Amino acid sequence: MSQPAAIFDHDGNWIVECTVRDVSATGAKLELREDLALPKSFLLALTQTGGVRRSCETVWQLSIVAGVRFSTVQMATPLTRSTNKNGY
């Protein structure tokens, strides 16, 4: 699997682009574009427009590869805040 995605903080600020390498009902394996420490919790944008965002928790991280768990609490409305240069 190789699906482009992006990571945002809970205020809607862009953090980093990533690629979803594997996904299940409960979480995903991400490959980050840059080697940086992920926050404990964040939003994962799964579409180019950023309209579909899942709340996630970092479970493990080794350099640019990370395992995340989807949080059970979902946002009631999509965020419409800042985007990066690629439209996320």
C-alpha atoms as a PDB file:
ATOM      1  CA  MET A   1       0.000   0.000   0.000  1.00  0.00           C
ATOM      2  CA  SER A   2       1.225   3.488  -0.769  1.00  0.00           C
ATOM      3  CA  GLN A   3      -1.402   6.158  -0.029  1.00  0.00           C
ATOM      4  CA  PRO A   4      -0.318   9.803   0.389  1.00  0.00           C
ATOM      5  CA  ALA A   5      -1.506  11.387   3.634  1.00  0.00           C
ATOM      6  CA  ALA A   6      -0.658  14.245   5.987  1.00  0.00           C
ATOM      7  CA  ILE A   7      -0.420  14.754   9.731  1.00  0.00           C
ATOM      8  CA  PHE A   8      -1.971  17.719  11.550  1.00  0.00           C
ATOM      9  CA  ASP A   9      -2.056  18.741  15.195  1.00  0.00           C
ATOM     10  CA  HIS A  10      -5.459  18.982  16.913  1.00  0.00           C
ATOM     11  CA  ASP A  11      -5.622  22.716  16.132  1.00  0.00           C
ATOM     12  CA  GLY A  12      -5.493  21.914  12.406  1.00  0.00           C
ATOM     13  CA  ASN A  13      -1.870  22.969  11.845  1.00  0.00           C
ATOM     14  CA  TRP A  14       0.064  20.915   9.296  1.00  0.00           C
ATOM     15  CA  ILE A  15       2.978  18.908  10.743  1.00  0.00           C
ATOM     16  CA  VAL A  16       4.345  16.615   8.025  1.00  0.00           C
ATOM     17  CA  GLU A  17       3.406  14.661   4.913  1.00  0.00           C
ATOM     18  CA  CYS A  18       3.495  10.888   5.084  1.00  0.00           C
ATOM     19  CA  THR A  19       2.610   7.724   3.215  1.00  0.00           C
ATOM     20  CA  VAL A  20       0.236   5.115   4.610  1.00  0.00           C
ATOM     21  CA  ARG A  21       2.059   1.792   4.138  1.00  0.00           C
ATOM     22  CA  ASP A  22      -0.492  -0.457   5.866  1.00  0.00           C
ATOM     23  CA  VAL A  23      -3.900   0.110   7.416  1.00  0.00           C
ATOM     24  CA  SER A  24      -6.377  -1.894   9.485  1.00  0.00           C
ATOM     25  CA  ALA A  25      -9.614  -1.135  11.287  1.00  0.00           C
ATOM     26  CA  THR A  26      -7.649  -0.107  14.394  1.00  0.00           C
ATOM     27  CA  GLY A  27      -4.544   1.650  13.086  1.00  0.00           C
ATOM     28  CA  ALA A  28      -1.922   2.226  10.423  1.00  0.00           C
ATOM     29  CA  LYS A  29       1.770   2.060   9.604  1.00  0.00           C
ATOM     30  CA  LEU A  30       3.068   5.416   8.356  1.00  0.00           C
ATOM     31  CA  GLU A  31       6.241   6.456   6.581  1.00  0.00           C
ATOM     32  CA  LEU A  32       7.014  10.117   7.306  1.00  0.00           C
ATOM     33  CA  ARG A  33       8.491  12.466   4.712  1.00  0.00           C
ATOM     34  CA  GLU A  34      10.891  13.833   7.374  1.00  0.00           C
ATOM     35  CA  ASP A  35      12.596  12.330  10.413  1.00  0.00           C
ATOM     36  CA  LEU A  36      10.788  14.062  13.272  1.00  0.00           C
ATOM     37  CA  ALA A  37       9.150  12.922  16.481  1.00  0.00           C
ATOM     38  CA  LEU A  38       5.389  12.551  16.167  1.00  0.00           C
ATOM     39  CA  PRO A  39       3.221  14.015  18.927  1.00  0.00           C
ATOM     40  CA  LYS A  40       1.432  11.598  21.252  1.00  0.00           C
ATOM     41  CA  SER A  41      -1.860  12.324  19.467  1.00  0.00           C
ATOM     42  CA  PHE A  42      -2.635  13.978  16.128  1.00  0.00           C
ATOM     43  CA  LEU A  43      -4.980  14.005  13.130  1.00  0.00           C
ATOM     44  CA  LEU A  44      -4.228  11.945  10.029  1.00  0.00           C
ATOM     45  CA  ALA A  45      -5.627  13.365   6.765  1.00  0.00           C
ATOM     46  CA  LEU A  46      -6.397  10.514   4.413  1.00  0.00           C
ATOM     47  CA  THR A  47      -7.573  12.566   1.413  1.00  0.00           C
ATOM     48  CA  GLN A  48      -5.968  15.253  -0.763  1.00  0.00           C
ATOM     49  CA  THR A  49      -8.475  17.853   0.456  1.00  0.00           C
ATOM     50  CA  GLY A  50      -7.954  16.885   4.099  1.00  0.00           C
ATOM     51  CA  GLY A  51     -11.715  16.445   4.503  1.00  0.00           C
ATOM     52  CA  VAL A  52     -11.300  12.976   6.003  1.00  0.00           C
ATOM     53  CA  ARG A  53      -9.183  13.113   9.155  1.00  0.00           C
ATOM     54  CA  ARG A  54      -8.801  10.386  11.768  1.00  0.00           C
ATOM     55  CA  SER A  55      -7.705  11.069  15.316  1.00  0.00           C
ATOM     56  CA  CYS A  56      -4.608   8.946  16.050  1.00  0.00           C
ATOM     57  CA  GLU A  57      -2.233   8.045  18.861  1.00  0.00           C
ATOM     58  CA  THR A  58       1.419   7.204  18.274  1.00  0.00           C
ATOM     59  CA  VAL A  59       2.126   3.635  19.434  1.00  0.00           C
ATOM     60  CA  TRP A  60       5.732   3.309  18.236  1.00  0.00           C
ATOM     61  CA  GLN A  61       8.191   5.169  16.024  1.00  0.00           C
ATOM     62  CA  LEU A  62      11.556   4.218  14.523  1.00  0.00           C
ATOM     63  CA  SER A  63      13.002   7.155  12.577  1.00  0.00           C
ATOM     64  CA  ILE A  64      10.581   7.855   9.697  1.00  0.00           C
ATOM     65  CA  VAL A  65       8.350   4.796  10.248  1.00  0.00           C
ATOM     66  CA  ALA A  66       5.587   4.841  12.852  1.00  0.00           C
ATOM     67  CA  GLY A  67       2.712   2.693  14.044  1.00  0.00           C
ATOM     68  CA  VAL A  68      -0.438   4.556  15.055  1.00  0.00           C
ATOM     69  CA  ARG A  69      -3.735   3.570  16.650  1.00  0.00           C
ATOM     70  CA  PHE A  70      -6.971   5.201  15.568  1.00  0.00           C
ATOM     71  CA  SER A  71      -8.627   6.899  18.535  1.00  0.00           C
ATOM     72  CA  THR A  72     -12.219   5.962  19.263  1.00  0.00           C
ATOM     73  CA  VAL A  73     -13.314   9.586  19.595  1.00  0.00           C
ATOM     74  CA  GLN A  74     -13.913  11.103  16.171  1.00  0.00           C
ATOM     75  CA  MET A  75     -14.329  14.763  15.332  1.00  0.00           C
ATOM     76  CA  ALA A  76     -17.951  15.774  14.729  1.00  0.00           C
ATOM     77  CA  THR A  77     -17.112  18.207  11.922  1.00  0.00           C
ATOM     78  CA  PRO A  78     -14.255  18.264   9.423  1.00  0.00           C
ATOM     79  CA  LEU A  79     -11.533  20.839   9.949  1.00  0.00           C
ATOM     80  CA  THR A  80     -11.209  23.603   7.384  1.00  0.00           C
ATOM     81  CA  ARG A  81      -7.991  25.171   8.602  1.00  0.00           C
ATOM     82  CA  SER A  82      -4.531  25.579   7.130  1.00  0.00           C
ATOM     83  CA  THR A  83      -3.281  23.421   4.310  1.00  0.00           C
ATOM     84  CA  ASN A  84       0.232  22.827   3.093  1.00  0.00           C
ATOM     85  CA  LYS A  85       1.568  23.454  -0.412  1.00  0.00           C
ATOM     86  CA  ASN A  86       0.262  20.075  -1.644  1.00  0.00           C
ATOM     87  CA  GLY A  87      -3.333  20.748  -0.653  1.00  0.00           C
ATOM     88  CA  TYR A  88      -3.491  18.739   2.589  1.00  0.00           C
END
